[in-house]
């Protein structure tokens, strides 16, 4: 495809990866064959894979980060953490700690199981130190603003409001989809954990989770090798302390969440109670972004942590819109 159409296509897949080839072709003014060829190329190189953005505010899922202090002579720690279920990001960082790890769980039992595995791993390290950053509320994830908690719709499949084991198996199956989103693939993957699960059951349950807000959107994840080719290869973790503690929610919703540079935003229990993942095109762009936050007059102080090595695929809008700066 010529000019900027490949970039626009990836942005469209980030927005809605369920869109048909026909609709993508129509919106881009390209042929279905060219669209399919380009997507197949990126899938074949494993530059992209498909996933979902869950809204942890709806069913009180838990997102938390762990800062880990390690030694350069302990590279096996990363390979062991990657094997832990529900890990979403592993980043090498500059600072007192050397790793930042993101986990997402759906109940306290899963949270406890992960901490037990982390304890076992860290026990064998030189420093034996880590810190948990517990996220109390999620304002933004994967570049998408998330609604506050709301009662889920009644699920026709179960007659209940809450999720059951089958729903959670489907959510797990949709975290890493190697090819174009399809209910056939999800059915096959989920059937590993749940026997006799039909296509119609999968379709109905997934639609219910989308309608109820449990699933915010179906999207793409970008591989660590492809991220440097995007418009936002530089990643920071940013902790924010407002001048007025009573303005945490207002600053998050009114100032920070709308910034395209911020792809994840959380309220935490830390002294610097807003925690963000920020992406820019360069260090200079990040400095301008930070200056613009202070210019609002609402920010007392910030702590920035530079990511120097991303180990896992990430979800964010990969390219600027036409005319964006």
C-alpha atoms as a PDB file:
ATOM      1  CA  UNK A   1       0.000   0.000   0.000  1.00  0.00           C
ATOM      2  CA  UNK A   2       1.309   3.508  -0.816  1.00  0.00           C
ATOM      3  CA  UNK A   3       2.107   6.497   1.405  1.00  0.00           C
ATOM      4  CA  UNK A   4       0.589   6.599   4.878  1.00  0.00           C
ATOM      5  CA  UNK A   5      -2.072   3.934   4.437  1.00  0.00           C
ATOM      6  CA  UNK A   6      -0.192   1.173   6.323  1.00  0.00           C
ATOM      7  CA  UNK A   7       0.127   3.496   9.324  1.00  0.00           C
ATOM      8  CA  UNK A   8      -3.540   4.464   9.155  1.00  0.00           C
ATOM      9  CA  UNK A   9      -4.488   0.787   8.883  1.00  0.00           C
ATOM     10  CA  UNK A  10      -2.622  -0.098  12.080  1.00  0.00           C
ATOM     11  CA  UNK A  11      -4.281   2.835  13.851  1.00  0.00           C
ATOM     12  CA  UNK A  12      -7.668   1.534  12.703  1.00  0.00           C
ATOM     13  CA  UNK A  13      -6.870  -1.965  13.984  1.00  0.00           C
ATOM     14  CA  UNK A  14      -5.882  -0.466  17.313  1.00  0.00           C
ATOM     15  CA  UNK A  15      -9.264   1.254  17.460  1.00  0.00           C
ATOM     16  CA  UNK A  16     -11.286  -1.816  16.422  1.00  0.00           C
ATOM     17  CA  UNK A  17      -9.597  -5.035  15.358  1.00  0.00           C
ATOM     18  CA  UNK A  18     -12.941  -6.712  14.603  1.00  0.00           C
ATOM     19  CA  UNK A  19     -13.514  -4.482  11.580  1.00  0.00           C
ATOM     20  CA  UNK A  20     -13.951  -6.486   8.373  1.00  0.00           C
ATOM     21  CA  UNK A  21     -11.486  -6.343   5.490  1.00  0.00           C
ATOM     22  CA  UNK A  22     -14.218  -4.754   3.393  1.00  0.00           C
ATOM     23  CA  UNK A  23     -14.799  -1.944   5.884  1.00  0.00           C
ATOM     24  CA  UNK A  24     -11.062  -1.367   6.302  1.00  0.00           C
ATOM     25  CA  UNK A  25     -10.600  -1.216   2.540  1.00  0.00           C
ATOM     26  CA  UNK A  26     -13.498   1.204   2.147  1.00  0.00           C
ATOM     27  CA  UNK A  27     -12.258   3.557   4.866  1.00  0.00           C
ATOM     28  CA  UNK A  28      -8.709   3.555   3.484  1.00  0.00           C
ATOM     29  CA  UNK A  29      -9.587   3.677  -0.198  1.00  0.00           C
ATOM     30  CA  UNK A  30      -7.561   0.531  -0.838  1.00  0.00           C
ATOM     31  CA  UNK A  31      -8.345  -2.924  -2.197  1.00  0.00           C
ATOM     32  CA  UNK A  32      -9.255  -5.807   0.094  1.00  0.00           C
ATOM     33  CA  UNK A  33      -6.377  -7.785  -1.403  1.00  0.00           C
ATOM     34  CA  UNK A  34      -3.822  -5.133  -0.450  1.00  0.00           C
ATOM     35  CA  UNK A  35      -5.290  -4.820   3.039  1.00  0.00           C
ATOM     36  CA  UNK A  36      -5.197  -8.597   3.550  1.00  0.00           C
ATOM     37  CA  UNK A  37      -1.662  -8.809   2.167  1.00  0.00           C
ATOM     38  CA  UNK A  38      -0.312  -6.134   4.477  1.00  0.00           C
ATOM     39  CA  UNK A  39      -2.018  -7.557   7.564  1.00  0.00           C
ATOM     40  CA  UNK A  40      -0.741 -11.022   6.697  1.00  0.00           C
ATOM     41  CA  UNK A  41       2.783  -9.596   6.354  1.00  0.00           C
ATOM     42  CA  UNK A  42       2.673  -8.012   9.783  1.00  0.00           C
ATOM     43  CA  UNK A  43       1.160 -11.129  11.352  1.00  0.00           C
ATOM     44  CA  UNK A  44       3.780 -13.338   9.692  1.00  0.00           C
ATOM     45  CA  UNK A  45       6.592 -11.208  11.081  1.00  0.00           C
ATOM     46  CA  UNK A  46       4.803 -11.219  14.446  1.00  0.00           C
ATOM     47  CA  UNK A  47       4.880  -7.431  14.458  1.00  0.00           C
ATOM     48  CA  UNK A  48       1.250  -7.467  15.562  1.00  0.00           C
ATOM     49  CA  UNK A  49      -1.049  -9.811  17.390  1.00  0.00           C
ATOM     50  CA  UNK A  50      -4.600  -9.348  18.606  1.00  0.00           C
ATOM     51  CA  UNK A  51      -5.879  -8.824  22.113  1.00  0.00           C
ATOM     52  CA  UNK A  52      -8.544  -7.125  24.211  1.00  0.00           C
ATOM     53  CA  UNK A  53      -8.636  -4.196  26.604  1.00  0.00           C
ATOM     54  CA  UNK A  54     -10.532  -5.149  29.740  1.00  0.00           C
ATOM     55  CA  UNK A  55     -12.135  -2.554  32.001  1.00  0.00           C
ATOM     56  CA  UNK A  56     -11.066  -3.429  35.558  1.00  0.00           C
ATOM     57  CA  UNK A  57     -13.513  -0.857  36.962  1.00  0.00           C
ATOM     58  CA  UNK A  58     -16.585  -2.885  35.974  1.00  0.00           C
ATOM     59  CA  UNK A  59     -15.942  -6.102  37.899  1.00  0.00           C
ATOM     60  CA  UNK A  60     -13.213  -4.841  40.236  1.00  0.00           C
ATOM     61  CA  UNK A  61     -10.372  -6.662  38.505  1.00  0.00           C
ATOM     62  CA  UNK A  62      -6.987  -5.795  39.984  1.00  0.00           C
ATOM     63  CA  UNK A  63      -4.089  -4.163  38.143  1.00  0.00           C
ATOM     64  CA  UNK A  64      -0.777  -3.797  39.930  1.00  0.00           C
ATOM     65  CA  UNK A  65       2.853  -3.093  39.143  1.00  0.00           C
ATOM     66  CA  UNK A  66       5.924  -4.514  40.842  1.00  0.00           C
ATOM     67  CA  UNK A  67       9.252  -2.672  40.897  1.00  0.00           C
ATOM     68  CA  UNK A  68      12.075  -5.170  41.260  1.00  0.00           C
ATOM     69  CA  UNK A  69      15.696  -4.490  42.104  1.00  0.00           C
ATOM     70  CA  UNK A  70      17.947  -6.963  40.325  1.00  0.00           C
ATOM     71  CA  UNK A  71      21.566  -7.416  39.328  1.00  0.00           C
ATOM     72  CA  UNK A  72      22.749  -7.427  35.657  1.00  0.00           C
ATOM     73  CA  UNK A  73      24.218 -10.846  36.384  1.00  0.00           C
ATOM     74  CA  UNK A  74      20.708 -12.234  37.034  1.00  0.00           C
ATOM     75  CA  UNK A  75      19.098 -12.263  33.536  1.00  0.00           C
ATOM     76  CA  UNK A  76      17.213 -15.463  34.337  1.00  0.00           C
ATOM     77  CA  UNK A  77      14.808 -13.445  36.499  1.00  0.00           C
ATOM     78  CA  UNK A  78      13.070 -12.035  33.419  1.00  0.00           C
ATOM     79  CA  UNK A  79      12.591 -15.458  31.832  1.00  0.00           C
ATOM     80  CA  UNK A  80      11.050 -16.743  35.053  1.00  0.00           C
ATOM     81  CA  UNK A  81       8.696 -13.760  35.388  1.00  0.00           C
ATOM     82  CA  UNK A  82       7.534 -14.144  31.777  1.00  0.00           C
ATOM     83  CA  UNK A  83       6.249 -17.609  32.689  1.00  0.00           C
ATOM     84  CA  UNK A  84       3.974 -16.231  35.427  1.00  0.00           C
ATOM     85  CA  UNK A  85       0.333 -16.123  34.296  1.00  0.00           C
ATOM     86  CA  UNK A  86      -1.330 -12.705  33.852  1.00  0.00           C
ATOM     87  CA  UNK A  87       1.883 -10.755  33.319  1.00  0.00           C
ATOM     88  CA  UNK A  88       1.177  -7.881  30.916  1.00  0.00           C
ATOM     89  CA  UNK A  89       4.446  -5.935  30.740  1.00  0.00           C
ATOM     90  CA  UNK A  90       8.084  -6.416  31.717  1.00  0.00           C
ATOM     91  CA  UNK A  91      10.291  -3.351  31.283  1.00  0.00           C
ATOM     92  CA  UNK A  92      13.922  -2.685  32.029  1.00  0.00           C
ATOM     93  CA  UNK A  93      14.099   0.740  33.709  1.00  0.00           C
ATOM     94  CA  UNK A  94      16.683   3.261  34.898  1.00  0.00           C
ATOM     95  CA  UNK A  95      16.736   4.065  38.602  1.00  0.00           C
ATOM     96  CA  UNK A  96      16.969   2.346  41.960  1.00  0.00           C
ATOM     97  CA  UNK A  97      14.967  -0.576  40.596  1.00  0.00           C
ATOM     98  CA  UNK A  98      15.837  -2.286  37.323  1.00  0.00           C
ATOM     99  CA  UNK A  99      12.513  -3.910  36.353  1.00  0.00           C
ATOM    100  CA  UNK A 100       8.896  -2.738  36.229  1.00  0.00           C
ATOM    101  CA  UNK A 101       6.349  -5.541  35.829  1.00  0.00           C
ATOM    102  CA  UNK A 102       2.604  -5.199  35.238  1.00  0.00           C
ATOM    103  CA  UNK A 103       0.069  -7.849  36.257  1.00  0.00           C
ATOM    104  CA  UNK A 104      -3.716  -8.035  35.883  1.00  0.00           C
ATOM    105  CA  UNK A 105      -5.780 -10.385  38.048  1.00  0.00           C
ATOM    106  CA  UNK A 106      -9.495 -10.971  38.548  1.00  0.00           C
ATOM    107  CA  UNK A 107      -9.607 -11.967  42.209  1.00  0.00           C
ATOM    108  CA  UNK A 108      -7.568 -11.977  45.423  1.00  0.00           C
ATOM    109  CA  UNK A 109      -6.602 -15.618  45.006  1.00  0.00           C
ATOM    110  CA  UNK A 110      -4.846 -14.923  41.697  1.00  0.00           C
ATOM    111  CA  UNK A 111      -3.149 -11.909  43.295  1.00  0.00           C
ATOM    112  CA  UNK A 112      -1.868 -14.055  46.164  1.00  0.00           C
ATOM    113  CA  UNK A 113      -0.644 -16.780  43.798  1.00  0.00           C
ATOM    114  CA  UNK A 114       1.383 -14.273  41.783  1.00  0.00           C
ATOM    115  CA  UNK A 115       2.956 -12.794  44.910  1.00  0.00           C
ATOM    116  CA  UNK A 116       3.916 -16.281  46.049  1.00  0.00           C
ATOM    117  CA  UNK A 117       5.708 -16.895  42.750  1.00  0.00           C
ATOM    118  CA  UNK A 118       7.405 -13.483  42.912  1.00  0.00           C
ATOM    119  CA  UNK A 119       8.569 -14.233  46.465  1.00  0.00           C
ATOM    120  CA  UNK A 120      10.106 -17.503  45.286  1.00  0.00           C
ATOM    121  CA  UNK A 121      11.923 -15.790  42.411  1.00  0.00           C
ATOM    122  CA  UNK A 122      13.172 -12.817  44.432  1.00  0.00           C
ATOM    123  CA  UNK A 123      14.389 -15.016  47.286  1.00  0.00           C
ATOM    124  CA  UNK A 124      17.169 -16.259  45.022  1.00  0.00           C
ATOM    125  CA  UNK A 125      18.351 -12.796  43.963  1.00  0.00           C
ATOM    126  CA  UNK A 126      21.161 -10.670  45.319  1.00  0.00           C
ATOM    127  CA  UNK A 127      19.027  -7.758  46.599  1.00  0.00           C
ATOM    128  CA  UNK A 128      15.811  -9.626  47.497  1.00  0.00           C
ATOM    129  CA  UNK A 129      13.768  -6.439  47.164  1.00  0.00           C
ATOM    130  CA  UNK A 130      10.575  -5.455  45.375  1.00  0.00           C
ATOM    131  CA  UNK A 131       7.789  -2.902  45.749  1.00  0.00           C
ATOM    132  CA  UNK A 132       4.104  -3.262  44.826  1.00  0.00           C
ATOM    133  CA  UNK A 133       2.181  -0.370  43.273  1.00  0.00           C
ATOM    134  CA  UNK A 134      -1.480  -1.261  43.686  1.00  0.00           C
ATOM    135  CA  UNK A 135      -3.873   0.462  41.268  1.00  0.00           C
ATOM    136  CA  UNK A 136      -7.148   1.465  42.913  1.00  0.00           C
ATOM    137  CA  UNK A 137      -8.827   2.821  39.795  1.00  0.00           C
ATOM    138  CA  UNK A 138      -8.063   2.740  36.070  1.00  0.00           C
ATOM    139  CA  UNK A 139      -8.747   5.847  33.992  1.00  0.00           C
ATOM    140  CA  UNK A 140      -7.042   4.704  30.805  1.00  0.00           C
ATOM    141  CA  UNK A 141      -5.459   1.564  29.373  1.00  0.00           C
ATOM    142  CA  UNK A 142      -4.102   0.711  25.937  1.00  0.00           C
ATOM    143  CA  UNK A 143      -4.688   4.301  24.875  1.00  0.00           C
ATOM    144  CA  UNK A 144      -8.433   4.006  25.596  1.00  0.00           C
ATOM    145  CA  UNK A 145     -10.304   5.947  28.255  1.00  0.00           C
ATOM    146  CA  UNK A 146     -12.276   3.624  30.539  1.00  0.00           C
ATOM    147  CA  UNK A 147     -15.667   4.185  32.097  1.00  0.00           C
ATOM    148  CA  UNK A 148     -16.130   4.088  35.846  1.00  0.00           C
ATOM    149  CA  UNK A 149     -17.656   1.025  37.425  1.00  0.00           C
ATOM    150  CA  UNK A 150     -21.267   0.391  36.513  1.00  0.00           C
ATOM    151  CA  UNK A 151     -23.682  -2.513  37.030  1.00  0.00           C
ATOM    152  CA  UNK A 152     -23.178  -5.074  34.282  1.00  0.00           C
ATOM    153  CA  UNK A 153     -26.176  -6.031  32.185  1.00  0.00           C
ATOM    154  CA  UNK A 154     -28.001  -9.242  32.978  1.00  0.00           C
ATOM    155  CA  UNK A 155     -26.245 -12.059  31.138  1.00  0.00           C
ATOM    156  CA  UNK A 156     -28.745 -14.084  29.138  1.00  0.00           C
ATOM    157  CA  UNK A 157     -26.400 -17.079  29.039  1.00  0.00           C
ATOM    158  CA  UNK A 158     -26.298 -17.476  32.825  1.00  0.00           C
ATOM    159  CA  UNK A 159     -29.074 -15.258  34.184  1.00  0.00           C
ATOM    160  CA  UNK A 160     -26.473 -13.585  36.425  1.00  0.00           C
ATOM    161  CA  UNK A 161     -24.601 -10.278  36.516  1.00  0.00           C
ATOM    162  CA  UNK A 162     -21.223 -11.682  37.528  1.00  0.00           C
ATOM    163  CA  UNK A 163     -18.621 -13.501  35.452  1.00  0.00           C
ATOM    164  CA  UNK A 164     -18.169 -17.249  35.759  1.00  0.00           C
ATOM    165  CA  UNK A 165     -15.267 -19.570  34.977  1.00  0.00           C
ATOM    166  CA  UNK A 166     -16.227 -19.864  31.309  1.00  0.00           C
ATOM    167  CA  UNK A 167     -16.204 -16.071  30.895  1.00  0.00           C
ATOM    168  CA  UNK A 168     -12.767 -15.874  32.488  1.00  0.00           C
ATOM    169  CA  UNK A 169     -11.470 -18.641  30.201  1.00  0.00           C
ATOM    170  CA  UNK A 170     -12.690 -16.637  27.205  1.00  0.00           C
ATOM    171  CA  UNK A 171     -11.022 -13.477  28.511  1.00  0.00           C
ATOM    172  CA  UNK A 172      -7.771 -15.400  28.968  1.00  0.00           C
ATOM    173  CA  UNK A 173      -8.026 -16.839  25.458  1.00  0.00           C
ATOM    174  CA  UNK A 174      -8.441 -13.378  23.959  1.00  0.00           C
ATOM    175  CA  UNK A 175      -5.313 -11.911  25.569  1.00  0.00           C
ATOM    176  CA  UNK A 176      -2.998 -13.238  22.857  1.00  0.00           C
ATOM    177  CA  UNK A 177      -4.546 -14.015  19.472  1.00  0.00           C
ATOM    178  CA  UNK A 178      -1.897 -14.585  16.767  1.00  0.00           C
ATOM    179  CA  UNK A 179      -4.174 -14.016  13.757  1.00  0.00           C
ATOM    180  CA  UNK A 180      -7.185 -11.920  12.737  1.00  0.00           C
ATOM    181  CA  UNK A 181      -9.837 -11.899  15.465  1.00  0.00           C
ATOM    182  CA  UNK A 182     -12.308 -14.741  14.941  1.00  0.00           C
ATOM    183  CA  UNK A 183     -14.789 -16.546  17.147  1.00  0.00           C
ATOM    184  CA  UNK A 184     -13.639 -19.845  15.638  1.00  0.00           C
ATOM    185  CA  UNK A 185     -10.126 -19.332  16.985  1.00  0.00           C
ATOM    186  CA  UNK A 186     -11.380 -18.234  20.413  1.00  0.00           C
ATOM    187  CA  UNK A 187     -13.690 -21.262  20.591  1.00  0.00           C
ATOM    188  CA  UNK A 188     -10.835 -23.621  19.796  1.00  0.00           C
ATOM    189  CA  UNK A 189      -8.493 -21.974  22.315  1.00  0.00           C
ATOM    190  CA  UNK A 190     -11.062 -21.786  25.123  1.00  0.00           C
ATOM    191  CA  UNK A 191     -12.066 -25.417  24.541  1.00  0.00           C
ATOM    192  CA  UNK A 192      -8.677 -26.415  25.936  1.00  0.00           C
ATOM    193  CA  UNK A 193      -9.962 -25.296  29.329  1.00  0.00           C
ATOM    194  CA  UNK A 194     -13.722 -25.735  28.902  1.00  0.00           C
ATOM    195  CA  UNK A 195     -15.056 -28.844  27.204  1.00  0.00           C
ATOM    196  CA  UNK A 196     -18.026 -28.810  24.819  1.00  0.00           C
ATOM    197  CA  UNK A 197     -17.966 -25.059  24.285  1.00  0.00           C
ATOM    198  CA  UNK A 198     -19.802 -24.216  21.058  1.00  0.00           C
ATOM    199  CA  UNK A 199     -19.289 -21.341  18.635  1.00  0.00           C
ATOM    200  CA  UNK A 200     -22.720 -19.895  19.478  1.00  0.00           C
ATOM    201  CA  UNK A 201     -21.965 -19.971  23.220  1.00  0.00           C
ATOM    202  CA  UNK A 202     -18.651 -18.181  22.677  1.00  0.00           C
ATOM    203  CA  UNK A 203     -20.231 -15.564  20.416  1.00  0.00           C
ATOM    204  CA  UNK A 204     -23.044 -14.863  22.896  1.00  0.00           C
ATOM    205  CA  UNK A 205     -20.798 -14.644  25.943  1.00  0.00           C
ATOM    206  CA  UNK A 206     -18.216 -12.409  24.274  1.00  0.00           C
ATOM    207  CA  UNK A 207     -20.945 -10.071  23.023  1.00  0.00           C
ATOM    208  CA  UNK A 208     -22.415  -9.890  26.536  1.00  0.00           C
ATOM    209  CA  UNK A 209     -19.011  -8.941  27.950  1.00  0.00           C
ATOM    210  CA  UNK A 210     -18.597  -6.243  25.299  1.00  0.00           C
ATOM    211  CA  UNK A 211     -22.111  -4.883  25.916  1.00  0.00           C
ATOM    212  CA  UNK A 212     -21.593  -4.838  29.692  1.00  0.00           C
ATOM    213  CA  UNK A 213     -18.271  -3.005  29.399  1.00  0.00           C
ATOM    214  CA  UNK A 214     -16.093  -5.832  30.726  1.00  0.00           C
ATOM    215  CA  UNK A 215     -14.359  -5.815  27.332  1.00  0.00           C
ATOM    216  CA  UNK A 216     -13.653  -2.227  26.318  1.00  0.00           C
ATOM    217  CA  UNK A 217     -12.417  -3.127  22.834  1.00  0.00           C
ATOM    218  CA  UNK A 218     -10.687  -5.682  20.640  1.00  0.00           C
ATOM    219  CA  UNK A 219      -7.344  -4.281  19.563  1.00  0.00           C
ATOM    220  CA  UNK A 220      -3.778  -5.114  18.525  1.00  0.00           C
ATOM    221  CA  UNK A 221      -0.534  -5.475  20.431  1.00  0.00           C
ATOM    222  CA  UNK A 222       2.771  -4.364  18.925  1.00  0.00           C
ATOM    223  CA  UNK A 223       5.906  -6.455  19.308  1.00  0.00           C
ATOM    224  CA  UNK A 224       9.003  -5.010  21.042  1.00  0.00           C
ATOM    225  CA  UNK A 225      10.844  -5.214  17.706  1.00  0.00           C
ATOM    226  CA  UNK A 226       8.145  -3.183  15.918  1.00  0.00           C
ATOM    227  CA  UNK A 227       7.673  -0.504  18.594  1.00  0.00           C
ATOM    228  CA  UNK A 228      10.798   1.474  17.486  1.00  0.00           C
ATOM    229  CA  UNK A 229       9.178   1.834  14.033  1.00  0.00           C
ATOM    230  CA  UNK A 230       6.135   3.608  15.491  1.00  0.00           C
ATOM    231  CA  UNK A 231       5.786   7.324  16.241  1.00  0.00           C
ATOM    232  CA  UNK A 232       5.993   6.648  19.990  1.00  0.00           C
ATOM    233  CA  UNK A 233       9.048   4.469  20.733  1.00  0.00           C
ATOM    234  CA  UNK A 234      10.019   6.259  23.971  1.00  0.00           C
ATOM    235  CA  UNK A 235       8.285   5.024  27.116  1.00  0.00           C
ATOM    236  CA  UNK A 236       8.236   6.535  30.595  1.00  0.00           C
ATOM    237  CA  UNK A 237       6.514   5.693  33.842  1.00  0.00           C
ATOM    238  CA  UNK A 238       5.248   8.907  35.429  1.00  0.00           C
ATOM    239  CA  UNK A 239       4.122   9.438  39.015  1.00  0.00           C
ATOM    240  CA  UNK A 240       2.184  12.650  39.706  1.00  0.00           C
ATOM    241  CA  UNK A 241       1.569  14.558  42.927  1.00  0.00           C
ATOM    242  CA  UNK A 242      -1.132  17.275  42.600  1.00  0.00           C
ATOM    243  CA  UNK A 243      -1.025  20.522  44.550  1.00  0.00           C
ATOM    244  CA  UNK A 244      -4.415  19.739  46.058  1.00  0.00           C
ATOM    245  CA  UNK A 245      -4.977  16.139  47.155  1.00  0.00           C
ATOM    246  CA  UNK A 246      -8.710  16.585  46.703  1.00  0.00           C
ATOM    247  CA  UNK A 247      -8.176  17.090  42.963  1.00  0.00           C
ATOM    248  CA  UNK A 248      -6.792  13.647  42.115  1.00  0.00           C
ATOM    249  CA  UNK A 249      -9.847  12.527  40.149  1.00  0.00           C
ATOM    250  CA  UNK A 250     -10.356  15.917  38.539  1.00  0.00           C
ATOM    251  CA  UNK A 251      -6.757  16.117  37.329  1.00  0.00           C
ATOM    252  CA  UNK A 252      -6.865  12.535  36.055  1.00  0.00           C
ATOM    253  CA  UNK A 253     -10.144  12.917  34.173  1.00  0.00           C
ATOM    254  CA  UNK A 254      -9.852  16.557  33.157  1.00  0.00           C
ATOM    255  CA  UNK A 255      -6.172  17.006  32.339  1.00  0.00           C
ATOM    256  CA  UNK A 256      -4.264  13.747  32.018  1.00  0.00           C
ATOM    257  CA  UNK A 257      -6.648  11.230  30.468  1.00  0.00           C
ATOM    258  CA  UNK A 258      -7.195  13.292  27.309  1.00  0.00           C
ATOM    259  CA  UNK A 259      -3.482  13.556  26.551  1.00  0.00           C
ATOM    260  CA  UNK A 260      -2.592  11.212  23.701  1.00  0.00           C
ATOM    261  CA  UNK A 261       0.893  10.731  25.150  1.00  0.00           C
ATOM    262  CA  UNK A 262      -0.630   9.001  28.190  1.00  0.00           C
ATOM    263  CA  UNK A 263      -1.624   5.456  27.234  1.00  0.00           C
ATOM    264  CA  UNK A 264      -2.264   4.147  30.765  1.00  0.00           C
ATOM    265  CA  UNK A 265      -3.444   6.089  33.815  1.00  0.00           C
ATOM    266  CA  UNK A 266      -4.183   4.851  37.335  1.00  0.00           C
ATOM    267  CA  UNK A 267      -5.040   6.097  40.825  1.00  0.00           C
ATOM    268  CA  UNK A 268      -2.817   4.374  43.350  1.00  0.00           C
ATOM    269  CA  UNK A 269      -2.322   4.369  47.086  1.00  0.00           C
ATOM    270  CA  UNK A 270       1.167   5.893  46.777  1.00  0.00           C
ATOM    271  CA  UNK A 271       2.182   9.380  47.951  1.00  0.00           C
ATOM    272  CA  UNK A 272       2.392  10.346  44.276  1.00  0.00           C
ATOM    273  CA  UNK A 273      -1.087   8.990  43.721  1.00  0.00           C
ATOM    274  CA  UNK A 274      -1.445   9.178  39.932  1.00  0.00           C
ATOM    275  CA  UNK A 275       0.557   6.650  37.954  1.00  0.00           C
ATOM    276  CA  UNK A 276       0.838   6.853  34.164  1.00  0.00           C
ATOM    277  CA  UNK A 277       2.510   5.151  31.241  1.00  0.00           C
ATOM    278  CA  UNK A 278       3.613   7.820  28.768  1.00  0.00           C
ATOM    279  CA  UNK A 279       4.788   7.398  25.162  1.00  0.00           C
ATOM    280  CA  UNK A 280       6.474  10.024  23.007  1.00  0.00           C
ATOM    281  CA  UNK A 281       8.627  10.188  19.899  1.00  0.00           C
ATOM    282  CA  UNK A 282      11.748  11.365  21.712  1.00  0.00           C
ATOM    283  CA  UNK A 283      13.175  12.498  25.038  1.00  0.00           C
ATOM    284  CA  UNK A 284      12.724  16.101  23.871  1.00  0.00           C
ATOM    285  CA  UNK A 285       9.015  15.467  23.220  1.00  0.00           C
ATOM    286  CA  UNK A 286       8.665  13.991  26.690  1.00  0.00           C
ATOM    287  CA  UNK A 287      10.273  17.090  28.218  1.00  0.00           C
ATOM    288  CA  UNK A 288       7.769  19.331  26.390  1.00  0.00           C
ATOM    289  CA  UNK A 289       4.931  17.080  27.537  1.00  0.00           C
ATOM    290  CA  UNK A 290       6.094  17.346  31.148  1.00  0.00           C
ATOM    291  CA  UNK A 291       6.444  21.132  30.908  1.00  0.00           C
ATOM    292  CA  UNK A 292       2.880  21.361  29.620  1.00  0.00           C
ATOM    293  CA  UNK A 293       1.615  19.467  32.684  1.00  0.00           C
ATOM    294  CA  UNK A 294       3.316  21.889  35.067  1.00  0.00           C
ATOM    295  CA  UNK A 295       1.920  24.788  33.022  1.00  0.00           C
ATOM    296  CA  UNK A 296      -1.594  23.794  34.120  1.00  0.00           C
ATOM    297  CA  UNK A 297      -0.752  25.002  37.624  1.00  0.00           C
ATOM    298  CA  UNK A 298      -2.262  21.835  39.108  1.00  0.00           C
ATOM    299  CA  UNK A 299       0.876  19.715  39.527  1.00  0.00           C
ATOM    300  CA  UNK A 300       3.096  19.905  42.606  1.00  0.00           C
ATOM    301  CA  UNK A 301       5.735  17.343  41.635  1.00  0.00           C
ATOM    302  CA  UNK A 302       6.424  14.366  39.386  1.00  0.00           C
ATOM    303  CA  UNK A 303       8.744  11.371  39.240  1.00  0.00           C
ATOM    304  CA  UNK A 304       9.767  10.070  35.800  1.00  0.00           C
ATOM    305  CA  UNK A 305      11.260   6.650  35.111  1.00  0.00           C
ATOM    306  CA  UNK A 306      12.702   5.895  31.672  1.00  0.00           C
ATOM    307  CA  UNK A 307      12.134   2.476  30.114  1.00  0.00           C
ATOM    308  CA  UNK A 308      15.222   1.195  28.300  1.00  0.00           C
ATOM    309  CA  UNK A 309      14.058  -2.290  27.331  1.00  0.00           C
ATOM    310  CA  UNK A 310      10.518  -3.566  26.617  1.00  0.00           C
ATOM    311  CA  UNK A 311      10.251  -7.341  26.865  1.00  0.00           C
ATOM    312  CA  UNK A 312       6.579  -7.905  25.927  1.00  0.00           C
ATOM    313  CA  UNK A 313       4.164  -6.608  23.252  1.00  0.00           C
ATOM    314  CA  UNK A 314       2.327  -3.396  24.102  1.00  0.00           C
ATOM    315  CA  UNK A 315      -1.015  -1.826  23.172  1.00  0.00           C
ATOM    316  CA  UNK A 316      -1.157   1.806  22.066  1.00  0.00           C
ATOM    317  CA  UNK A 317      -2.080   3.828  18.989  1.00  0.00           C
ATOM    318  CA  UNK A 318       1.116   3.429  16.955  1.00  0.00           C
ATOM    319  CA  UNK A 319       1.064   6.468  14.661  1.00  0.00           C
ATOM    320  CA  UNK A 320       0.048  10.109  14.818  1.00  0.00           C
ATOM    321  CA  UNK A 321      -3.049  11.207  12.990  1.00  0.00           C
ATOM    322  CA  UNK A 322      -2.641  13.355   9.892  1.00  0.00           C
ATOM    323  CA  UNK A 323      -1.540  16.773  10.972  1.00  0.00           C
ATOM    324  CA  UNK A 324      -0.946  15.776  14.607  1.00  0.00           C
ATOM    325  CA  UNK A 325       2.143  17.023  16.391  1.00  0.00           C
END
